[in-house]
Amino acid sequence: MTRVAVLWNAANPANAAVWQETQAAARALDLLLHSQAVRGPQDLEGAFARTAQARPEALLVLGDNLIAMHLQHIVAFATQEHLPSVFATRGWVVAGGLMSYGPSIPDLYRRAATYVDKLLKGAKPADLPVEQPMKFELVLNLKTAQALGLTIPPIVLFRADEVIQ
């Protein structure tokens, strides 16, 4: 694989840093990225057309709320274009994406609950440390892999936190 399309919301200031880190990782892996930046739902069809024209070998979706609102549409596009797709959260894989790797959302909610507990017991917010996600999960969709003609190596299946049949 040498060419990857990246769908991301450029209107979200937080995504600028994620995009820069994605570019750095791509350089280290000798991958050519095709940025498909959107700023609103009206930009999705154009991004899809440019992606199809670029003929990438995979699709990476950098998630945020705008992108997540169009989950079904994006997964349908990846399926139609026969693109292996990678996402940050499990819901995309349940919807038909190939794989996700990212923070465990249930674990984040549990961690948030411990903060609420501390606050309700009188802790000052300024005294609580900022935490990074501690648990990450790899989720694979074997039905999608089969439809794409891909064989997931056994070691990857073994390391997956969840395999959707």
Protein backbone atom coordinates (compact mmCIF):
# COMPACT_ATOMS: atom_id res chain seq x y z
CA MET A 1 0.00 0.00 0.00
CA THR A 2 1.33 3.41 -0.93
CA ARG A 3 -1.69 5.76 -1.29
CA VAL A 4 -4.19 6.53 1.47
CA ALA A 5 -7.09 8.97 1.35
CA VAL A 6 -7.74 10.79 4.64
CA LEU A 7 -11.20 12.18 5.32
CA TRP A 8 -11.19 14.80 8.04
CA ASN A 9 -13.00 17.90 9.27
CA ALA A 10 -10.71 20.88 8.71
CA ALA A 11 -13.23 23.22 10.39
CA ASN A 12 -12.50 21.58 13.75
CA PRO A 13 -9.38 23.31 15.17
CA ALA A 14 -8.48 20.20 17.19
CA ASN A 15 -8.08 18.22 13.97
CA ALA A 16 -5.18 20.36 12.71
CA ALA A 17 -2.81 18.69 15.17
CA VAL A 18 -4.21 15.25 14.35
CA TRP A 19 -3.71 15.93 10.64
CA GLN A 20 -0.10 17.04 11.24
CA GLU A 21 0.64 13.88 13.25
CA THR A 22 -1.00 11.76 10.54
CA GLN A 23 1.26 13.37 7.94
CA ALA A 24 4.35 12.73 10.06
CA ALA A 25 3.39 9.07 10.49
CA ALA A 26 2.76 8.75 6.75
CA ARG A 27 6.20 10.17 5.95
CA ALA A 28 7.80 7.65 8.30
CA LEU A 29 5.90 4.83 6.55
CA ASP A 30 6.56 6.22 3.06
CA LEU A 31 2.83 6.65 2.37
CA LEU A 32 1.30 9.26 0.10
CA LEU A 33 -1.74 10.87 1.71
CA HIS A 34 -4.63 12.38 -0.23
CA SER A 35 -6.22 14.92 2.12
CA GLN A 36 -9.98 15.08 1.79
CA ALA A 37 -10.70 17.98 4.12
CA VAL A 38 -14.33 18.88 4.65
CA ARG A 39 -15.80 21.83 6.52
CA GLY A 40 -19.45 20.86 6.45
CA PRO A 41 -21.85 18.18 5.22
CA GLN A 42 -22.07 19.92 1.84
CA ASP A 43 -18.40 19.02 1.23
CA LEU A 44 -18.77 15.25 1.57
CA GLU A 45 -19.85 14.44 -1.99
CA GLY A 46 -16.94 16.46 -3.40
CA ALA A 47 -14.54 14.66 -1.06
CA PHE A 48 -15.95 11.32 -2.20
CA ALA A 49 -15.54 12.28 -5.88
CA ARG A 50 -11.93 13.42 -5.33
CA THR A 51 -11.17 10.26 -3.37
CA ALA A 52 -12.53 8.02 -6.13
CA GLN A 53 -10.53 9.98 -8.71
CA ALA A 54 -7.29 9.66 -6.67
CA ARG A 55 -7.76 5.86 -6.56
CA PRO A 56 -6.22 5.33 -3.09
CA GLU A 57 -5.62 1.89 -1.68
CA ALA A 58 -7.24 2.65 1.68
CA LEU A 59 -9.33 5.23 3.51
CA LEU A 60 -8.46 6.66 6.92
CA VAL A 61 -11.23 8.62 8.62
CA LEU A 62 -10.24 11.07 11.35
CA GLY A 63 -13.30 11.17 13.53
CA ASP A 64 -15.15 14.08 15.01
CA ASN A 65 -18.83 14.98 15.37
CA LEU A 66 -19.34 16.23 11.81
CA ILE A 67 -17.79 13.09 10.36
CA ALA A 68 -19.62 10.80 12.81
CA MET A 69 -22.99 12.28 11.81
CA HIS A 70 -22.40 10.76 8.36
CA LEU A 71 -21.14 7.35 9.49
CA GLN A 72 -23.49 5.30 7.30
CA HIS A 73 -22.81 7.42 4.22
CA ILE A 74 -19.03 7.22 4.67
CA VAL A 75 -19.04 3.46 5.29
CA ALA A 76 -21.28 2.98 2.23
CA PHE A 77 -18.83 5.02 0.13
CA ALA A 78 -15.84 2.95 1.33
CA THR A 79 -17.75 -0.26 0.55
CA GLN A 80 -18.81 0.98 -2.89
CA GLU A 81 -15.23 1.98 -3.74
CA HIS A 82 -13.87 -1.29 -2.34
CA LEU A 83 -11.61 0.63 0.07
CA PRO A 84 -10.25 -0.88 3.26
CA SER A 85 -11.21 1.68 5.89
CA VAL A 86 -9.72 2.56 9.26
CA PHE A 87 -11.49 4.50 12.00
CA ALA A 88 -10.91 5.55 15.61
CA THR A 89 -13.94 3.94 17.23
CA ARG A 90 -15.78 0.63 17.24
CA GLY A 91 -19.12 1.96 15.98
CA TRP A 92 -17.69 2.43 12.50
CA VAL A 93 -16.67 -1.21 12.33
CA VAL A 94 -20.08 -2.38 13.55
CA ALA A 95 -21.54 -0.28 10.69
CA GLY A 96 -19.35 -2.10 8.13
CA GLY A 97 -15.95 -0.43 8.25
CA LEU A 98 -12.93 -2.71 8.16
CA MET A 99 -11.17 -1.82 11.39
CA SER A 100 -10.79 0.66 14.20
CA TYR A 101 -8.07 1.42 16.65
CA GLY A 102 -8.54 4.01 19.34
CA PRO A 103 -9.40 4.75 22.93
CA SER A 104 -11.98 2.50 24.56
CA ILE A 105 -15.07 4.67 24.93
CA PRO A 106 -16.52 2.60 27.82
CA ASP A 107 -13.20 2.96 29.64
CA LEU A 108 -13.27 6.73 29.11
CA TYR A 109 -16.77 6.88 30.60
CA ARG A 110 -15.63 4.86 33.62
CA ARG A 111 -12.71 7.24 34.11
CA ALA A 112 -15.07 10.21 33.83
CA ALA A 113 -17.24 8.67 36.54
CA THR A 114 -14.26 8.56 38.92
CA TYR A 115 -13.77 12.28 38.34
CA VAL A 116 -17.44 12.97 39.06
CA ASP A 117 -17.13 10.91 42.24
CA LYS A 118 -14.10 12.92 43.37
CA LEU A 119 -15.84 16.22 42.62
CA LEU A 120 -18.98 15.17 44.51
CA LYS A 121 -16.77 14.29 47.47
CA GLY A 122 -15.36 17.83 47.49
CA ALA A 123 -12.24 17.69 45.31
CA LYS A 124 -11.35 20.92 43.56
CA PRO A 125 -11.30 20.58 39.74
CA ALA A 126 -7.97 22.41 39.57
CA ASP A 127 -6.42 19.77 41.84
CA LEU A 128 -7.39 16.86 39.59
CA PRO A 129 -4.81 15.74 37.02
CA VAL A 130 -5.53 15.70 33.32
CA GLU A 131 -5.48 12.12 32.10
CA GLN A 132 -4.84 10.53 28.74
CA PRO A 133 -6.74 7.44 27.59
CA MET A 134 -5.26 4.33 29.14
CA LYS A 135 -7.04 1.57 27.26
CA PHE A 136 -7.09 1.27 23.49
CA GLU A 137 -9.01 -1.27 21.44
CA LEU A 138 -8.55 -2.89 18.06
CA VAL A 139 -11.80 -3.98 16.40
CA LEU A 140 -11.96 -5.90 13.10
CA ASN A 141 -14.86 -6.73 10.80
CA LEU A 142 -14.20 -10.09 9.12
CA LYS A 143 -17.27 -9.85 6.88
CA THR A 144 -15.91 -6.59 5.45
CA ALA A 145 -12.42 -8.08 5.09
CA GLN A 146 -13.88 -11.01 3.15
CA ALA A 147 -15.90 -8.67 0.91
CA LEU A 148 -12.67 -6.76 0.16
CA GLY A 149 -10.77 -9.96 -0.55
CA LEU A 150 -8.46 -9.43 2.42
CA THR A 151 -7.06 -12.04 4.75
CA ILE A 152 -6.39 -10.76 8.24
CA PRO A 153 -3.20 -12.37 9.58
CA PRO A 154 -3.76 -14.67 12.58
CA ILE A 155 -1.50 -12.55 14.81
CA VAL A 156 -3.70 -9.51 14.14
CA LEU A 157 -6.85 -11.52 14.89
CA PHE A 158 -5.23 -12.73 18.12
CA ARG A 159 -4.39 -9.18 19.19
CA ALA A 160 -7.83 -7.78 18.36
CA ASP A 161 -10.05 -6.84 21.27
CA GLU A 162 -13.13 -7.70 19.21
CA VAL A 163 -13.68 -9.49 15.92
CA ILE A 164 -17.04 -8.92 14.27
CA GLN A 165 -18.17 -11.86 12.19
